[in-house]
Amino acid sequence: MEVISSISKEEGDFLVKLARKAIEYYLTYRKVLPIRPEDIPYDNLKKRGASFVTLETKYGDLRGCIGSIIPHRPFYEDVIHNAISAAVSDPRFNPVSPNELDFIKVKVSVLTYPEKVEYEDWRDLLSKIEPFKDGLIIKYKNFSATFLPEVWEKLPSKEEFLAHLCLKAGLPADFWRTGLLEVFKYRTITFSE
């Protein structure tokens, strides 16, 4: 199955509506939205793709965010599953209740395939990161974490971004300076209600 390489505004808007519909259906029936490939009007969305679905309150606070890093299923299915997970399975939050839905904004981020960042030391690593554009994945043994590019809005310095990413992975905040991390970067296109 082919991997998605670009996405149009119409396709992105369709995915945002699909994500909301998937959440509403799950909260009503406790089942995954039944949808077939022939129900999807865009062939591009039937290719493999990786997405993150983010839920925010009307005040802009995070309410749930779950996603996939590597494309492993049809893109529309990835969005449906990540939307439901963001609403009911994000361990940082209680599940979304049906009466909250009118006050939640749905965002869908489309991820490019992650590419490994080769670096010599922490200074070299900093030079290869582009704030507000790069999403990062870090890995060390069984520890890993990712931040979407939009996290730069809350953590605008490279050092702070990497420190919080290490903490998210369960590592010491300054672990990014050791040179032991595997680092990958990716870009996103985000569509929002």
Protein backbone atom coordinates (compact mmCIF):
# COMPACT_ATOMS: atom_id res chain seq x y z
CA MET A 1 0.00 0.00 0.00
CA GLU A 2 1.32 3.42 -1.00
CA VAL A 3 2.23 6.04 1.64
CA ILE A 4 0.51 9.45 1.54
CA SER A 5 2.94 12.17 0.40
CA SER A 6 0.79 15.32 0.25
CA ILE A 7 -2.69 16.39 1.19
CA SER A 8 -5.11 19.02 -0.09
CA LYS A 9 -7.13 21.46 2.01
CA GLU A 10 -10.34 19.63 1.00
CA GLU A 11 -8.88 16.30 2.15
CA GLY A 12 -7.71 17.85 5.42
CA ASP A 13 -11.10 19.43 6.09
CA PHE A 14 -12.73 16.06 5.38
CA LEU A 15 -10.40 14.39 7.92
CA VAL A 16 -11.27 16.92 10.64
CA LYS A 17 -15.00 16.23 10.09
CA LEU A 18 -14.30 12.48 10.06
CA ALA A 19 -12.38 12.74 13.36
CA ARG A 20 -15.28 14.57 15.04
CA LYS A 21 -17.81 12.10 13.61
CA ALA A 22 -15.70 9.16 14.90
CA ILE A 23 -15.61 10.66 18.42
CA GLU A 24 -19.35 11.40 18.45
CA TYR A 25 -20.16 7.89 17.21
CA TYR A 26 -17.88 6.26 19.80
CA LEU A 27 -19.26 8.30 22.70
CA THR A 28 -22.82 7.40 21.64
CA TYR A 29 -22.45 3.71 20.74
CA ARG A 30 -19.08 2.69 22.28
CA LYS A 31 -18.08 1.32 18.88
CA VAL A 32 -15.70 2.39 16.15
CA LEU A 33 -17.38 4.30 13.34
CA PRO A 34 -18.27 1.73 10.65
CA ILE A 35 -16.79 3.05 7.44
CA ARG A 36 -15.69 1.32 4.25
CA PRO A 37 -13.06 2.44 1.73
CA GLU A 38 -15.82 3.20 -0.78
CA ASP A 39 -17.28 5.72 1.73
CA ILE A 40 -14.09 7.81 1.45
CA PRO A 41 -14.36 10.30 -1.44
CA TYR A 42 -10.58 10.81 -1.79
CA ASP A 43 -8.33 7.96 -2.99
CA ASN A 44 -5.34 9.72 -1.42
CA LEU A 45 -6.78 9.10 2.08
CA LYS A 46 -6.84 5.34 1.40
CA LYS A 47 -3.02 5.30 1.26
CA ARG A 48 -1.03 4.57 4.42
CA GLY A 49 -0.49 7.65 6.57
CA ALA A 50 0.46 8.78 10.07
CA SER A 51 -1.66 11.31 11.95
CA PHE A 52 -2.06 12.94 15.32
CA VAL A 53 -5.48 14.04 16.52
CA THR A 54 -5.44 16.87 19.06
CA LEU A 55 -8.42 18.01 21.11
CA GLU A 56 -8.42 21.47 22.69
CA THR A 57 -10.84 23.27 24.96
CA LYS A 58 -12.40 26.54 23.78
CA TYR A 59 -9.67 28.27 25.86
CA GLY A 60 -6.92 26.55 23.85
CA ASP A 61 -5.94 24.07 26.59
CA LEU A 62 -4.97 20.55 25.57
CA ARG A 63 -7.77 18.02 26.19
CA GLY A 64 -6.27 14.98 24.44
CA CYS A 65 -3.66 14.13 21.84
CA ILE A 66 -2.86 10.69 20.42
CA GLY A 67 -1.21 9.74 17.17
CA SER A 68 0.93 7.53 15.00
CA ILE A 69 4.51 8.23 14.01
CA ILE A 70 4.95 5.66 11.24
CA PRO A 71 2.31 5.04 8.53
CA HIS A 72 0.91 1.54 9.10
CA ARG A 73 -2.75 1.59 7.99
CA PRO A 74 -5.00 3.52 5.60
CA PHE A 75 -4.88 7.19 6.55
CA TYR A 76 -8.61 7.60 7.13
CA GLU A 77 -8.52 4.60 9.55
CA ASP A 78 -5.53 6.11 11.35
CA VAL A 79 -7.47 9.35 11.90
CA ILE A 80 -10.58 7.51 13.15
CA HIS A 81 -8.61 5.42 15.67
CA ASN A 82 -6.45 8.33 16.87
CA ALA A 83 -9.52 10.58 17.27
CA ILE A 84 -11.24 8.02 19.50
CA SER A 85 -8.03 7.43 21.47
CA ALA A 86 -7.46 11.17 21.96
CA ALA A 87 -11.01 11.46 23.35
CA VAL A 88 -11.07 8.45 25.66
CA SER A 89 -7.58 6.95 26.09
CA ASP A 90 -5.10 9.80 26.65
CA PRO A 91 -3.71 8.86 30.10
CA ARG A 92 -3.25 12.53 31.04
CA PHE A 93 -7.00 13.24 30.99
CA ASN A 94 -10.35 11.81 31.96
CA PRO A 95 -12.34 10.58 28.95
CA VAL A 96 -14.26 13.28 27.07
CA SER A 97 -17.96 13.25 27.92
CA PRO A 98 -20.66 13.74 25.25
CA ASN A 99 -21.75 17.09 26.74
CA GLU A 100 -18.16 18.43 26.38
CA LEU A 101 -18.05 17.90 22.63
CA ASP A 102 -19.59 21.26 21.73
CA PHE A 103 -16.75 22.98 23.61
CA ILE A 104 -13.88 21.03 22.05
CA LYS A 105 -11.93 21.91 18.92
CA VAL A 106 -10.60 19.03 16.78
CA LYS A 107 -7.26 19.24 14.95
CA VAL A 108 -5.72 16.65 12.64
CA SER A 109 -1.98 16.74 11.91
CA VAL A 110 -0.56 14.87 8.93
CA LEU A 111 3.03 13.72 9.53
CA THR A 112 5.82 13.35 7.00
CA TYR A 113 7.94 10.21 7.30
CA PRO A 114 10.49 10.76 10.13
CA GLU A 115 14.12 11.15 9.10
CA LYS A 116 17.06 10.39 11.37
CA VAL A 117 19.17 13.33 12.54
CA GLU A 118 22.88 12.44 12.40
CA TYR A 119 24.81 14.60 14.86
CA GLU A 120 28.24 14.69 16.50
CA ASP A 121 27.47 16.37 19.83
CA TRP A 122 24.71 18.38 21.50
CA ARG A 123 25.80 21.64 19.82
CA ASP A 124 25.58 19.94 16.41
CA LEU A 125 22.16 18.55 17.36
CA LEU A 126 20.89 22.06 18.21
CA SER A 127 22.15 23.35 14.85
CA LYS A 128 20.09 20.72 12.98
CA ILE A 129 16.73 21.49 14.62
CA GLU A 130 14.41 24.09 13.14
CA PRO A 131 12.03 25.55 15.77
CA PHE A 132 8.35 25.91 14.84
CA LYS A 133 8.85 23.56 11.84
CA ASP A 134 10.36 20.31 13.13
CA GLY A 135 8.52 17.75 15.20
CA LEU A 136 11.00 15.56 17.07
CA ILE A 137 11.11 11.94 18.17
CA ILE A 138 13.76 10.85 20.67
CA LYS A 139 14.72 7.28 21.53
CA TYR A 140 17.12 5.70 24.00
CA LYS A 141 16.80 1.99 24.77
CA ASN A 142 13.15 1.54 25.91
CA PHE A 143 12.54 5.28 26.35
CA SER A 144 10.93 7.36 23.61
CA ALA A 145 8.76 10.43 23.14
CA THR A 146 7.67 12.90 20.51
CA PHE A 147 6.55 16.51 20.35
CA LEU A 148 4.61 17.89 17.39
CA PRO A 149 5.90 21.14 15.85
CA GLU A 150 3.07 23.10 17.54
CA VAL A 151 4.72 22.42 20.94
CA TRP A 152 7.32 25.07 19.98
CA GLU A 153 4.61 27.67 20.72
CA LYS A 154 4.81 26.71 24.42
CA LEU A 155 8.53 25.78 24.49
CA PRO A 156 10.25 28.14 22.01
CA SER A 157 13.91 27.49 22.94
CA LYS A 158 15.66 24.42 21.53
CA GLU A 159 17.15 23.56 24.93
CA GLU A 160 13.80 23.80 26.71
CA PHE A 161 12.06 21.81 23.94
CA LEU A 162 14.62 18.98 24.20
CA ALA A 163 14.61 19.03 28.03
CA HIS A 164 10.82 18.65 28.19
CA LEU A 165 10.94 15.96 25.51
CA CYS A 166 13.48 14.00 27.59
CA LEU A 167 11.25 14.35 30.66
CA LYS A 168 8.26 13.13 28.63
CA ALA A 169 10.30 10.04 27.68
CA GLY A 170 11.13 9.39 31.35
CA LEU A 171 14.76 10.52 31.02
CA PRO A 172 16.65 13.25 32.91
CA ALA A 173 15.99 16.73 31.47
CA ASP A 174 19.62 17.18 30.35
CA PHE A 175 19.93 13.72 28.74
CA TRP A 176 19.86 15.31 25.27
CA ARG A 177 23.37 16.62 25.97
CA THR A 178 24.85 13.09 26.33
CA GLY A 179 24.92 12.27 22.61
CA LEU A 180 23.19 8.94 23.37
CA LEU A 181 19.76 9.85 21.99
CA GLU A 182 18.54 8.73 18.61
CA VAL A 183 16.75 11.77 17.17
CA PHE A 184 14.31 11.87 14.27
CA LYS A 185 12.54 14.87 12.82
CA TYR A 186 9.38 15.26 10.80
CA ARG A 187 7.05 18.01 9.59
CA THR A 188 3.29 18.30 9.87
CA ILE A 189 0.41 19.89 8.04
CA THR A 190 -2.38 20.64 10.50
CA PHE A 191 -6.06 21.10 9.78
CA SER A 192 -8.43 22.46 12.38
CA GLU A 193 -12.09 23.21 12.99
